[in-house]
Protein backbone atom coordinates (compact mmCIF):
# COMPACT_ATOMS: atom_id res chain seq x y z
CA THR A 1 0.00 0.00 0.00
CA ILE A 2 2.78 2.45 0.87
CA MET A 3 4.65 1.63 -2.34
CA PHE A 4 1.44 2.06 -4.35
CA SER A 5 0.86 5.51 -2.80
CA VAL A 6 4.46 6.61 -3.41
CA ILE A 7 4.21 5.52 -7.06
CA LEU A 8 0.97 7.51 -7.48
CA SER A 9 2.53 10.63 -5.93
CA THR A 10 5.58 10.26 -8.16
CA PHE A 11 3.44 9.96 -11.29
CA ASN A 12 1.43 13.01 -10.21
CA SER A 13 4.68 14.98 -9.99
CA ILE A 14 5.99 13.79 -13.38
CA ILE A 15 2.85 14.21 -15.46
CA PRO A 16 3.01 18.08 -15.60
CA GLU A 17 6.26 17.86 -17.56
CA VAL A 18 4.69 15.45 -20.07
CA VAL A 19 1.56 17.57 -20.43
CA ARG A 20 3.65 20.71 -20.79
CA LEU A 21 5.38 19.10 -23.79
CA LEU A 22 2.02 18.28 -25.36
CA VAL A 23 0.65 21.79 -24.80
CA SER A 24 3.74 23.28 -26.46
CA TYR A 25 2.39 21.95 -29.79
CA GLU A 26 -0.94 23.73 -29.31
CA LYS A 27 -1.72 27.27 -30.45
CA HIS A 28 -3.04 29.73 -27.86
CA ASP A 29 -3.69 33.45 -28.01
CA ASP A 30 -2.18 34.20 -24.62
CA GLU A 31 -0.49 32.59 -21.62
CA GLY A 32 -3.78 32.39 -19.71
CA SER A 33 -5.34 30.20 -22.40
CA SER A 34 -2.25 27.98 -22.44
CA GLN A 35 -2.36 27.58 -18.66
CA THR A 36 -6.06 26.69 -18.80
CA SER A 37 -5.37 23.94 -21.33
CA LEU A 38 -2.51 22.70 -19.17
CA TYR A 39 -4.71 22.76 -16.08
CA LEU A 40 -7.48 20.77 -17.77
CA LYS A 41 -5.19 17.94 -18.88
CA ILE A 42 -3.27 17.67 -15.60
CA THR A 43 -6.44 17.72 -13.52
CA VAL A 44 -8.14 14.97 -15.52
CA PHE A 45 -5.07 12.73 -15.23
CA ARG A 46 -4.59 13.33 -11.50
CA TRP A 47 -8.25 12.83 -10.70
CA VAL A 48 -8.41 9.55 -12.58
CA ASN A 49 -5.02 8.38 -11.34
CA THR A 50 -5.54 9.26 -7.68
CA ALA A 51 -9.22 8.92 -6.80
CA ILE A 52 -11.18 7.09 -9.48
CA VAL A 53 -8.73 4.30 -10.36
CA THR A 54 -8.13 3.57 -6.67
CA ARG A 55 -11.86 3.10 -6.11
CA TRP A 56 -12.47 1.03 -9.24
CA THR A 57 -9.57 -1.35 -8.60
CA THR A 58 -10.64 -2.09 -5.01
CA PRO A 59 -12.81 -5.24 -4.68
CA THR A 60 -16.13 -4.82 -2.89
CA LEU A 61 -15.12 -7.11 -0.03
CA ALA A 62 -11.96 -5.03 0.53
CA THR A 63 -13.81 -1.74 0.95
CA LEU A 64 -14.21 -1.58 4.74
CA GLY A 65 -11.67 -4.19 5.82
CA ASP A 66 -8.61 -3.54 7.95
CA GLY A 67 -6.13 -5.33 5.70
CA SER A 68 -3.10 -3.58 4.24
CA ASN A 69 -4.58 -3.65 0.71
CA ASP A 70 -8.10 -2.58 1.68
CA LEU A 71 -9.55 0.76 0.65
CA ILE A 72 -9.31 2.54 4.00
CA LYS A 73 -5.64 1.67 4.41
CA THR A 74 -4.92 2.63 0.80
CA VAL A 75 -6.59 6.03 1.12
CA ASN A 76 -4.80 6.71 4.39
CA ALA A 77 -1.41 5.85 2.85
CA LEU A 78 -2.24 7.94 -0.22
CA MET A 79 -3.05 11.01 1.87
CA ILE A 80 0.11 10.62 3.95
CA SER A 81 2.11 10.28 0.73
CA GLU A 82 0.55 13.45 -0.71
CA MET A 83 1.33 15.26 2.53
CA PHE A 84 5.06 14.50 2.53
CA VAL A 85 6.23 12.87 -0.73
CA SER A 86 4.80 15.45 -3.15
CA PRO A 87 6.25 18.54 -1.36
CA LEU A 88 9.63 16.83 -0.98
CA LEU A 89 9.70 15.94 -4.68
CA ARG A 90 9.18 19.61 -5.48
CA TYR A 91 11.88 20.64 -3.04
CA PHE A 92 14.45 18.13 -4.32
CA ASP A 93 14.11 19.21 -7.94
CA CYS A 94 16.57 16.92 -9.71
CA MET A 95 17.20 19.18 -12.70
CA THR A 96 17.74 22.28 -10.53
CA ILE A 97 20.18 20.43 -8.27
CA LEU A 98 21.99 19.04 -11.32
CA ASP A 99 22.27 22.50 -12.92
CA ARG A 100 23.60 24.20 -9.80
CA HIS A 101 25.99 21.52 -8.56
CA TYR A 102 27.19 19.80 -11.74
CA PHE A 103 26.79 21.98 -14.82
CA ALA A 104 27.38 25.36 -13.14
CA PRO A 105 30.94 24.57 -11.94
CA ARG A 106 31.77 23.40 -15.48
CA ALA A 107 30.38 26.46 -17.27
CA LYS A 108 32.81 28.12 -19.69
CA THR A 109 31.40 31.65 -19.50
CA GLU A 110 29.97 33.78 -16.73
CA GLU A 111 26.69 34.19 -18.59
CA GLU A 112 26.36 30.41 -18.91
CA LEU A 113 27.14 30.07 -15.21
CA PHE A 114 24.39 32.49 -14.21
CA GLY A 115 21.98 30.64 -16.51
CA TYR A 116 22.25 27.52 -14.38
CA PHE A 117 20.99 29.43 -11.34
CA ASN A 118 17.70 30.58 -12.84
CA GLY A 119 15.75 28.22 -10.60
CA GLY A 120 13.14 25.57 -11.21
CA TRP A 121 10.12 25.95 -13.46
CA TYR A 122 6.58 26.09 -12.14
CA ASN A 123 3.16 27.07 -13.43
CA LEU A 124 -0.13 28.10 -11.92
CA ALA A 125 -2.01 25.23 -13.56
CA ASP A 126 0.09 22.64 -11.73
CA ARG A 127 -0.49 24.29 -8.39
CA CYS A 128 -4.25 24.62 -8.92
CA THR A 129 -4.56 20.93 -9.81
CA ASP A 130 -2.98 19.95 -6.49
CA PHE A 131 -5.72 21.80 -4.64
CA THR A 132 -8.58 20.31 -6.67
CA LYS A 133 -7.01 16.85 -6.35
CA VAL A 134 -6.99 17.10 -2.54
CA LEU A 135 -10.54 18.47 -2.59
CA LEU A 136 -11.72 15.52 -4.69
CA LEU A 137 -9.95 12.98 -2.47
CA CYS A 138 -11.60 14.42 0.64
CA THR A 139 -15.12 14.50 -0.79
CA PHE A 140 -14.77 11.21 -2.68
CA TYR A 141 -13.77 9.11 0.35
CA SER A 142 -15.35 11.08 3.21
CA ALA A 143 -18.21 8.56 3.57
CA PHE A 144 -15.73 5.70 4.08
CA TYR A 145 -13.10 7.63 6.03
CA PRO A 146 -14.21 10.93 7.68
CA LEU A 147 -10.68 11.50 9.00
CA VAL A 148 -9.71 12.28 5.40
CA TYR A 149 -10.79 15.91 5.90
CA PHE A 150 -8.17 16.42 8.62
CA LEU A 151 -5.53 14.78 6.43
CA GLY A 152 -6.58 17.02 3.53
CA ALA A 153 -6.16 20.11 5.73
CA GLY A 154 -2.67 18.88 6.65
CA ILE A 155 -1.79 18.36 2.98
CA LEU A 156 -2.85 21.91 2.06
CA PHE A 157 -0.92 23.30 5.04
CA PHE A 158 2.35 21.60 4.06
CA GLN A 159 1.88 22.39 0.38
CA TYR A 160 1.23 26.06 1.10
CA TRP A 161 4.42 26.56 3.08
CA MET A 162 6.54 24.49 0.71
CA ASP A 163 5.24 26.41 -2.31
CA LYS A 164 5.77 29.72 -0.53
CA PHE A 165 9.36 28.83 0.28
CA LEU A 166 10.11 27.67 -3.27
CA LEU A 167 8.37 30.68 -4.79
CA LEU A 168 10.47 33.11 -2.78
CA ARG A 169 13.75 31.17 -2.72
CA SER A 170 14.09 28.74 -5.59
CA TRP A 171 11.61 28.96 -8.47
CA GLN A 172 12.21 31.26 -11.42
CA ASN A 173 9.76 33.97 -12.40
CA ALA A 174 6.70 32.73 -14.23
CA PRO A 175 5.15 34.55 -17.21
CA MET A 176 2.49 37.13 -16.42
CA ILE A 177 -0.95 35.59 -16.88
CA GLY A 178 -4.51 36.61 -16.22
CA PRO A 179 -7.18 35.08 -13.97
CA GLU A 180 -8.41 32.58 -16.58
CA THR A 181 -6.95 29.49 -14.90
CA SER A 182 -8.15 30.28 -11.38
CA GLN A 183 -11.62 31.24 -12.63
CA PHE A 184 -11.83 28.07 -14.72
CA SER A 185 -10.83 25.99 -11.68
CA ARG A 186 -13.33 27.59 -9.32
CA THR A 187 -16.21 27.54 -11.79
CA TYR A 188 -15.96 24.05 -13.21
CA PHE A 189 -13.62 21.74 -11.29
CA ASN A 190 -14.16 22.81 -7.68
CA THR A 191 -17.90 22.42 -8.10
CA LEU A 192 -17.41 19.18 -10.04
CA ALA A 193 -15.28 17.78 -7.19
CA LEU A 194 -18.13 18.46 -4.73
CA LEU A 195 -20.63 16.84 -7.11
CA LEU A 196 -18.48 13.72 -7.61
CA GLY A 197 -17.93 13.53 -3.86
CA THR A 198 -21.68 13.55 -3.26
CA ILE A 199 -22.23 10.83 -5.87
CA ALA A 200 -19.44 8.69 -4.40
CA SER A 201 -20.94 9.09 -0.91
CA THR A 202 -24.32 8.01 -2.26
CA TYR A 203 -22.92 4.77 -3.64
CA ALA A 204 -20.97 4.27 -0.41
CA TYR A 205 -24.11 4.41 1.74
CA PHE A 206 -26.02 2.37 -0.84
CA GLY A 207 -23.53 -0.51 -0.85
CA SER A 208 -22.72 -0.58 2.87
CA PRO A 209 -21.58 -2.80 4.57
CA PHE A 210 -19.96 -4.29 1.39
CA THR A 211 -20.15 -7.90 2.60
CA MET A 212 -22.07 -9.44 -0.34
CA LEU A 213 -24.44 -10.93 2.23
CA CYS A 214 -28.19 -10.59 2.63
CA SER A 215 -30.17 -11.47 5.75
CA CYS A 216 -32.31 -14.57 5.54
CA ALA A 217 -34.88 -13.21 7.99
CA GLN A 218 -35.16 -9.84 6.20
CA ASN A 219 -35.79 -11.52 2.82
CA ASN A 220 -38.03 -14.32 4.21
CA LYS A 221 -35.67 -17.11 3.17
CA GLU A 222 -34.98 -20.33 5.01
CA CYS A 223 -31.33 -20.72 5.86
CA ILE A 224 -29.77 -23.74 7.58
CA LEU A 225 -27.29 -22.77 10.29
CA PRO A 226 -24.39 -25.07 11.22
CA ALA A 227 -24.61 -27.10 14.37
CA THR A 228 -21.74 -25.21 15.97
CA LEU A 229 -21.02 -21.46 15.72
CA GLU A 230 -17.37 -21.61 16.75
CA PHE A 231 -14.64 -22.73 14.36
CA THR A 232 -10.89 -23.16 14.72
CA ASN A 233 -7.96 -22.73 12.28
CA VAL A 234 -10.04 -20.95 9.64
CA THR A 235 -8.23 -19.85 6.46
CA VAL A 236 -9.75 -16.73 4.89
CA ASN A 237 -9.46 -15.61 1.25
CA ASN A 238 -6.26 -13.60 1.70
CA GLY A 239 -4.47 -16.60 3.19
CA THR A 240 -4.66 -15.51 6.81
CA VAL A 241 -5.31 -18.33 9.30
CA LEU A 242 -7.59 -17.43 12.22
CA PRO A 243 -7.15 -19.63 15.30
CA THR A 244 -10.81 -19.19 16.32
CA LEU A 245 -13.85 -17.74 14.58
CA GLN A 246 -17.22 -17.05 16.18
CA ALA A 247 -20.03 -17.20 13.60
CA SER A 248 -23.25 -15.19 13.76
CA ASN A 249 -26.42 -16.81 14.97
CA GLU A 250 -28.35 -15.01 12.20
CA GLY A 251 -28.49 -16.67 8.79
CA HIS A 252 -27.14 -14.89 5.67
CA TYR A 253 -26.75 -15.86 2.04
CA PHE A 254 -24.69 -14.53 -0.86
CA CYS A 255 -26.12 -11.66 -2.93
CA ASN A 256 -24.20 -9.86 -5.64
CA GLN A 257 -24.14 -6.13 -4.82
CA GLU A 258 -21.86 -5.38 -7.77
CA SER A 259 -24.65 -6.16 -10.28
CA TYR A 260 -26.31 -2.80 -9.52
CA ASN A 261 -24.83 -0.05 -11.71
CA ARG A 262 -27.71 2.35 -12.28
CA PHE A 263 -27.98 6.04 -11.41
CA PRO A 264 -29.21 7.29 -9.03
CA PRO A 265 -28.61 4.49 -6.49
CA LEU A 266 -32.02 4.20 -4.80
CA PRO A 267 -33.19 1.45 -2.41
CA GLN A 268 -35.55 0.10 -5.11
CA GLY A 269 -32.46 -1.09 -6.96
CA GLN A 270 -31.81 -3.87 -4.44
CA GLY A 271 -34.35 -6.09 -6.15
CA PRO A 272 -35.52 -9.25 -4.39
CA ASN A 273 -32.30 -9.50 -2.36
CA LYS A 274 -32.28 -6.69 0.18
CA TRP A 275 -29.27 -5.96 2.36
CA MET A 276 -30.19 -2.48 3.65
CA THR A 277 -31.75 -1.63 6.99
CA ASP A 278 -34.73 0.73 7.14
CA ASP A 279 -32.58 3.67 8.22
CA GLN A 280 -30.07 2.91 5.50
CA GLU A 281 -32.81 2.89 2.87
CA HIS A 282 -34.06 6.27 4.06
CA LEU A 283 -30.55 7.80 3.99
CA SER A 284 -29.80 6.26 0.59
CA ARG A 285 -33.05 7.66 -0.83
CA LEU A 286 -32.22 11.18 0.41
CA TYR A 287 -28.69 10.99 -0.98
CA GLY A 288 -29.90 9.66 -4.32
CA MET A 289 -32.40 12.47 -4.84
CA THR A 290 -29.80 15.02 -3.72
CA CYS A 291 -27.41 13.71 -6.38
CA VAL A 292 -30.03 14.20 -9.07
CA VAL A 293 -30.76 17.76 -7.94
CA LEU A 294 -27.07 18.71 -7.74
CA LEU A 295 -26.37 17.15 -11.14
CA LEU A 296 -29.22 19.13 -12.72
CA LEU A 297 -28.01 22.36 -11.09
CA TYR A 298 -24.47 21.76 -12.36
CA CYS A 299 -25.68 21.05 -15.90
CA VAL A 300 -28.01 24.05 -15.99
CA PHE A 301 -26.05 26.76 -14.19
CA ILE A 302 -22.44 25.71 -14.89
CA ILE A 303 -22.44 23.89 -18.22
CA GLY A 304 -25.67 25.43 -19.53
CA GLU A 305 -24.50 28.98 -18.93
CA ARG A 306 -21.36 28.32 -20.96
CA VAL A 307 -23.41 26.83 -23.80
CA VAL A 308 -25.79 29.81 -23.84
CA ILE A 309 -22.88 32.27 -23.96
CA ALA A 310 -21.29 30.32 -26.83
CA VAL A 311 -24.56 30.40 -28.81
CA LEU A 312 -25.20 34.09 -28.11
CA SER A 313 -21.66 34.96 -29.19
CA LEU A 314 -22.61 33.91 -32.72
CA VAL A 315 -25.18 36.69 -33.04
CA LYS A 316 -24.16 39.40 -30.53
CA GLY A 317 -21.29 40.61 -28.39
CA VAL A 318 -21.03 38.89 -25.02
CA TYR A 319 -17.88 40.51 -23.63
CA GLU A 320 -18.31 42.11 -20.21
CA PRO A 321 -15.43 44.16 -18.80
CA SER A 322 -14.25 43.30 -15.31
CA GLY A 323 -13.27 45.80 -12.62
CA TYR A 324 -14.32 49.44 -12.35
CA ASP A 325 -13.13 52.83 -13.48
CA GLN A 326 -10.46 54.04 -11.05
CA HIS A 327 -10.24 57.45 -12.76
CA LYS A 328 -6.55 56.99 -13.55
CA ASP A 329 -5.03 57.90 -16.87
CA PHE A 330 -2.96 55.20 -18.54
CA SER A 331 -0.08 57.57 -19.22
CA SER A 332 0.12 58.72 -15.60
CA GLY A 333 1.09 55.23 -14.40
CA MET A 334 3.71 54.29 -16.97
CA GLY A 335 6.55 52.33 -15.41
CA ARG A 336 4.61 51.71 -12.19
CA GLU A 337 1.28 50.10 -13.03
CA SER A 338 0.78 50.75 -16.75
CA PHE A 339 2.63 48.55 -19.22
CA ALA A 340 2.15 47.76 -22.90
CA TYR A 341 2.22 44.57 -24.88
CA VAL A 342 5.66 44.71 -26.44
CA PRO A 343 6.51 41.60 -28.53
CA GLN A 344 9.38 39.78 -26.84
CA LEU A 345 10.64 36.28 -26.11
CA MET A 346 10.35 35.78 -22.37
CA GLU A 347 12.26 32.54 -21.74
CA VAL A 348 15.33 32.00 -23.91
CA PRO A 349 18.01 29.61 -22.57
CA GLY A 350 21.31 31.37 -21.98
CA PHE A 351 19.82 34.87 -21.67
CA HIS A 352 18.94 36.62 -18.42
CA PHE A 353 16.61 39.18 -19.98
CA PRO A 354 13.81 38.82 -22.54
CA LEU A 355 14.66 39.37 -26.19
CA LEU A 356 12.70 42.10 -27.97
CA ILE A 357 11.46 41.38 -31.48
CA CYS A 358 10.16 44.80 -32.54
CA ASN A 359 11.24 48.39 -33.00
CA ILE A 360 10.68 50.29 -29.74
CA ASP A 361 11.81 53.75 -30.89
CA ASP A 362 8.18 54.93 -31.06
CA VAL A 363 7.19 53.82 -27.55
CA ASP A 364 8.11 54.98 -24.07
CA VAL A 365 10.62 52.47 -22.68
CA ARG A 366 8.78 52.52 -19.36
CA LEU A 367 5.99 50.56 -21.04
CA ILE A 368 8.30 47.57 -21.64
CA GLY A 369 8.13 46.50 -18.01
CA TRP A 370 11.81 45.74 -17.35
CA LYS A 371 15.28 47.19 -17.84
CA ASP A 372 18.87 46.01 -17.75
CA PRO A 373 20.72 47.73 -14.89
CA ASN A 374 24.00 47.26 -16.78
CA PHE A 375 22.80 49.71 -19.42
CA ASP A 376 21.17 52.72 -17.80
CA SER A 377 21.64 55.74 -20.03
CA GLU A 378 19.20 58.55 -19.22
CA THR A 379 20.01 60.62 -22.31
CA ASP A 380 18.95 57.95 -24.79
CA PRO A 381 17.03 55.18 -22.94
CA HIS A 382 16.08 53.35 -26.14
CA ARG A 383 19.71 52.41 -26.76
CA ASN A 384 19.76 50.56 -23.42
CA TYR A 385 17.63 47.85 -25.03
CA ASP A 386 19.58 47.49 -28.29
CA ILE A 387 21.70 44.66 -26.91
CA HIS A 388 18.48 42.73 -26.18
CA ASN A 389 16.73 43.48 -29.47
CA LEU A 390 16.80 40.83 -32.21
CA ILE A 391 15.82 43.15 -35.07
CA TYR A 392 19.39 44.45 -35.32
CA ASP A 393 20.74 40.94 -35.84
CA VAL A 394 19.05 40.76 -39.25
CA PRO A 395 19.86 43.76 -41.50
CA HIS A 396 16.77 44.92 -43.34
CA GLU A 397 15.79 47.89 -45.46
CA THR A 398 12.94 48.86 -43.14
CA LEU A 399 15.20 49.33 -40.10
CA LYS A 400 15.10 52.94 -38.90
CA ARG A 401 18.60 52.78 -37.47
CA SER A 402 21.37 50.36 -36.65
CA ARG A 403 22.28 49.07 -33.22
CA ASN A 404 23.68 51.59 -30.68
CA LYS A 405 22.85 54.56 -32.91
CA LYS A 406 20.91 57.49 -31.50
CA ALA A 407 17.17 56.81 -31.49
CA GLY A 408 14.85 59.39 -32.94
CA ARG A 409 11.07 59.26 -32.64
CA ASN A 410 9.28 58.87 -35.99
CA SER A 411 12.62 58.59 -37.83
CA LYS A 412 12.54 57.34 -41.40
CA PRO A 413 14.02 54.07 -42.66
CA HIS A 414 17.38 53.98 -44.38
CA GLN A 415 15.68 53.40 -47.73
CA GLU A 416 12.84 55.38 -49.18
CA LYS A 417 11.39 52.13 -50.49
CA GLU A 418 8.31 51.15 -48.46
CA ASP A 419 8.94 47.46 -47.82
CA ARG A 420 6.83 45.41 -45.47
CA PRO A 421 8.55 45.13 -42.05
CA ILE A 422 9.68 41.68 -41.04
CA TYR A 423 9.10 42.41 -37.33
CA SER A 424 6.14 43.70 -35.38
CA ILE A 425 5.31 47.39 -35.30
CA VAL A 426 4.76 48.97 -31.87
CA LYS A 427 3.72 52.59 -31.41
CA HIS A 428 2.54 54.68 -28.51
CA TYR A 429 0.61 57.94 -28.86
CA PRO A 430 0.73 59.69 -25.47
CA PRO A 431 -1.37 62.77 -24.80
CA GLN A 432 0.31 66.15 -24.99
CA TRP A 433 0.33 66.66 -21.23
CA ALA A 434 2.24 63.36 -20.79
CA VAL A 435 4.88 64.44 -23.32
CA VAL A 436 5.34 67.78 -21.57
CA ARG A 437 5.64 66.09 -18.18
CA GLN A 438 8.24 63.62 -19.51
CA ASN A 439 10.34 66.43 -21.04
CA HIS A 440 10.34 68.32 -17.77
């Protein structure tokens, strides 16, 4: 059981790298859309790998037992593994340790040396899936093992502090993204985890006590009891030998509880062989109807709303701006809270700063969002970025100037011929009062 839990936790830590490789072949408009796609794939794998497969592979008779391979023991070991193994795997990042302690001492240049200390890679999608995975585990197995909620709280506690430490001390900066991933997680998967937990609890109360036995007296059947109710040296199915076994004085017979696979699980589904008590039937009926109501609410308000918006978008605009007007001019916050979309390559191996792929002579450099402290000329700030701009590596007739030449706003190209630029065009048109303020 412990080895099984460790293997699951290890797979859950490896799968983000595999999914990240798959997502790299997809086309997305922005980083938020890419993270949402990454989140969806990782979450589906972790949910199936951690919660659903564990339940499906557990035999009915091993659901409430106290054996090492029974469901309760497996879930307990899985939660303990998620509490300690997963955070430690993130802390002992093999590639980061290898870069810093093996490749860095053998670097041939200082720039290559610094590149090995960039830190480990992380993404918001991976972190969000860990939370939804713990939420699903808690709701999915709460009917069998109520202590799972306390273990889930412990997992989130350890993960929070480990992620905080790595975020501040080890991990490299992640790309700037919007709220798409977190909103997608809260709207669809957090609610889906609660729904699946309710459905799993319904089947748990429906199938209890998972013995495959029905009472002879309850079903009006004649059962012949043995002459003696005490047995010695009894070998059970898992090979364990019990020195003594005291049998029940109430007759039972075998009834297949696994044959019922309908939804919702209501007491009427027992058929002629009933194993539930009256209280159990009442609880199962309440849970079954609750599942139907929650499923309808999820389909109507969560899925249905998305379908309606998609249909309406074909005939009318459905965009709704978020936030409120703070009565701040864009140009008054340049360099502090106002930045522009300037085409650049954010993560290039061997480079400590992004690489620009456009002409920035017609924009205020404060809109770029970063600067190299090694080049800090106040007289001509545009030239500070020439070393990081790729457009000067490819001579072209549409270039306004060459690298390290004085930048002039609205300067003309070298050639009078109006060729199509091979790089993006970025321009900024500040109001007159902003230009006057900048000059003074």
